[in-house]
Amino acid sequence: MPELDGSYGYGWVVVDPGDGRVAWHDGGNDWSLATVAEFRRRRIMVFWVSRTAGWS
């Protein structure tokens, strides 16, 4: 995830960009990356998986 100001708790980053809270968590290793994000107000959850270890 790009750098965002927010709070961190129990492995989750919680931000409020103005149109509703977003909670996200990421993890990876030297060859992969995964991120899960929940858009609280819209009740949408998204899961990204990449075979690349970084954001571009």
N, C-alpha and C. Protein backbone atom coordinates (compact mmCIF):
# COMPACT_ATOMS: atom_id res chain seq x y z
N MET A 1 0.84 -1.19 0.00
CA MET A 1 0.00 0.00 0.00
C MET A 1 0.88 1.23 0.00
N PRO A 2 0.47 2.26 -0.67
CA PRO A 2 1.22 3.52 -0.59
C PRO A 2 1.21 4.06 0.83
N GLU A 3 2.16 4.91 1.13
CA GLU A 3 2.24 5.50 2.47
C GLU A 3 0.99 6.33 2.76
N LEU A 4 0.35 6.08 3.89
CA LEU A 4 -0.83 6.82 4.32
C LEU A 4 -0.71 7.11 5.81
N ASP A 5 -1.20 8.26 6.23
CA ASP A 5 -1.29 8.52 7.66
C ASP A 5 -2.48 7.75 8.21
N GLY A 6 -2.28 7.08 9.33
CA GLY A 6 -3.37 6.31 9.91
C GLY A 6 -2.95 5.71 11.22
N SER A 7 -3.77 4.83 11.75
CA SER A 7 -3.50 4.15 13.00
C SER A 7 -3.17 2.69 12.71
N TYR A 8 -2.38 2.08 13.61
CA TYR A 8 -1.96 0.70 13.43
C TYR A 8 -2.36 -0.08 14.68
N GLY A 9 -3.05 -1.20 14.51
CA GLY A 9 -3.44 -2.01 15.66
C GLY A 9 -3.67 -3.45 15.26
N TYR A 10 -3.06 -4.37 16.00
CA TYR A 10 -3.20 -5.80 15.75
C TYR A 10 -2.86 -6.18 14.31
N GLY A 11 -1.89 -5.50 13.72
CA GLY A 11 -1.47 -5.81 12.37
C GLY A 11 -2.23 -5.09 11.28
N TRP A 12 -3.26 -4.35 11.63
CA TRP A 12 -4.07 -3.63 10.65
C TRP A 12 -3.76 -2.14 10.68
N VAL A 13 -3.72 -1.51 9.52
CA VAL A 13 -3.62 -0.06 9.41
C VAL A 13 -5.03 0.44 9.11
N VAL A 14 -5.48 1.44 9.84
CA VAL A 14 -6.82 2.00 9.64
C VAL A 14 -6.67 3.47 9.29
N VAL A 15 -7.21 3.85 8.13
CA VAL A 15 -7.17 5.23 7.67
C VAL A 15 -8.58 5.69 7.32
N ASP A 16 -8.79 6.99 7.36
CA ASP A 16 -10.07 7.56 6.95
C ASP A 16 -9.79 8.67 5.94
N PRO A 17 -9.83 8.34 4.64
CA PRO A 17 -9.51 9.32 3.61
C PRO A 17 -10.62 10.35 3.39
N GLY A 18 -11.69 10.30 4.18
CA GLY A 18 -12.77 11.27 4.05
C GLY A 18 -14.08 10.69 3.56
N ASP A 19 -14.03 9.55 2.89
CA ASP A 19 -15.27 8.93 2.39
C ASP A 19 -15.53 7.58 3.05
N GLY A 20 -14.96 7.37 4.22
CA GLY A 20 -15.16 6.13 4.95
C GLY A 20 -13.85 5.45 5.29
N ARG A 21 -13.83 4.74 6.39
CA ARG A 21 -12.62 4.08 6.85
C ARG A 21 -12.20 2.93 5.94
N VAL A 22 -10.88 2.77 5.83
CA VAL A 22 -10.28 1.65 5.12
C VAL A 22 -9.33 0.98 6.10
N ALA A 23 -9.46 -0.33 6.27
CA ALA A 23 -8.56 -1.11 7.11
C ALA A 23 -7.79 -2.06 6.19
N TRP A 24 -6.44 -2.08 6.33
CA TRP A 24 -5.67 -2.96 5.45
C TRP A 24 -4.50 -3.57 6.20
N HIS A 25 -4.03 -4.70 5.67
CA HIS A 25 -2.89 -5.41 6.22
C HIS A 25 -2.16 -6.05 5.06
N ASP A 26 -0.83 -6.02 5.11
CA ASP A 26 -0.07 -6.66 4.04
C ASP A 26 1.04 -7.51 4.62
N GLY A 27 1.59 -8.33 3.77
CA GLY A 27 2.69 -9.19 4.17
C GLY A 27 3.31 -9.81 2.94
N GLY A 28 4.49 -10.32 3.11
CA GLY A 28 5.16 -10.94 1.98
C GLY A 28 6.51 -11.48 2.39
N ASN A 29 7.27 -11.86 1.39
CA ASN A 29 8.62 -12.37 1.60
C ASN A 29 9.47 -11.89 0.43
N ASP A 30 10.57 -12.55 0.14
CA ASP A 30 11.46 -12.09 -0.93
C ASP A 30 10.90 -12.27 -2.33
N TRP A 31 9.82 -13.02 -2.49
CA TRP A 31 9.33 -13.29 -3.84
C TRP A 31 7.84 -13.02 -4.03
N SER A 32 7.09 -12.67 -2.99
CA SER A 32 5.65 -12.44 -3.17
C SER A 32 5.15 -11.36 -2.22
N LEU A 33 3.94 -10.89 -2.48
CA LEU A 33 3.31 -9.86 -1.66
C LEU A 33 1.80 -10.10 -1.67
N ALA A 34 1.17 -9.93 -0.53
CA ALA A 34 -0.29 -10.04 -0.44
C ALA A 34 -0.81 -8.91 0.43
N THR A 35 -1.96 -8.39 0.07
CA THR A 35 -2.61 -7.33 0.84
C THR A 35 -4.11 -7.59 0.88
N VAL A 36 -4.70 -7.36 2.03
CA VAL A 36 -6.15 -7.43 2.16
C VAL A 36 -6.61 -6.06 2.65
N ALA A 37 -7.67 -5.54 2.05
CA ALA A 37 -8.22 -4.23 2.43
C ALA A 37 -9.72 -4.34 2.58
N GLU A 38 -10.23 -3.70 3.62
CA GLU A 38 -11.68 -3.67 3.84
C GLU A 38 -12.13 -2.21 3.83
N PHE A 39 -13.04 -1.91 2.93
CA PHE A 39 -13.63 -0.57 2.83
C PHE A 39 -14.90 -0.61 3.66
N ARG A 40 -14.79 -0.11 4.90
CA ARG A 40 -15.81 -0.32 5.92
C ARG A 40 -17.18 0.19 5.53
N ARG A 41 -17.28 1.41 5.07
CA ARG A 41 -18.60 2.00 4.77
C ARG A 41 -19.28 1.26 3.62
N ARG A 42 -18.51 0.86 2.64
CA ARG A 42 -19.09 0.19 1.46
C ARG A 42 -19.23 -1.32 1.65
N ARG A 43 -18.68 -1.84 2.75
CA ARG A 43 -18.75 -3.27 3.05
C ARG A 43 -18.15 -4.11 1.92
N ILE A 44 -16.96 -3.67 1.47
CA ILE A 44 -16.23 -4.36 0.40
C ILE A 44 -14.89 -4.80 0.94
N MET A 45 -14.49 -6.04 0.64
CA MET A 45 -13.17 -6.53 0.99
C MET A 45 -12.46 -6.95 -0.29
N VAL A 46 -11.19 -6.56 -0.40
CA VAL A 46 -10.39 -6.87 -1.59
C VAL A 46 -9.11 -7.55 -1.13
N PHE A 47 -8.68 -8.56 -1.88
CA PHE A 47 -7.45 -9.29 -1.57
C PHE A 47 -6.58 -9.32 -2.80
N TRP A 48 -5.34 -8.79 -2.68
CA TRP A 48 -4.39 -8.78 -3.79
C TRP A 48 -3.28 -9.77 -3.49
N VAL A 49 -2.85 -10.49 -4.50
CA VAL A 49 -1.70 -11.38 -4.38
C VAL A 49 -0.81 -11.13 -5.58
N SER A 50 0.50 -11.03 -5.34
CA SER A 50 1.43 -10.77 -6.42
C SER A 50 2.63 -11.70 -6.32
N ARG A 51 3.16 -12.09 -7.43
CA ARG A 51 4.39 -12.87 -7.41
C ARG A 51 5.62 -11.97 -7.43
N THR A 52 5.39 -10.66 -7.30
CA THR A 52 6.45 -9.67 -7.20
C THR A 52 6.48 -9.14 -5.76
N ALA A 53 7.65 -8.96 -5.19
CA ALA A 53 7.78 -8.64 -3.77
C ALA A 53 7.67 -7.15 -3.45
N GLY A 54 7.38 -6.28 -4.40
CA GLY A 54 7.33 -4.86 -4.08
C GLY A 54 6.26 -4.12 -4.86
N TRP A 55 5.98 -2.90 -4.44
CA TRP A 55 5.03 -2.03 -5.12
C TRP A 55 5.75 -1.28 -6.21
N SER A 56 5.12 -1.10 -7.35
CA SER A 56 5.74 -0.30 -8.41
C SER A 56 4.81 0.79 -8.87
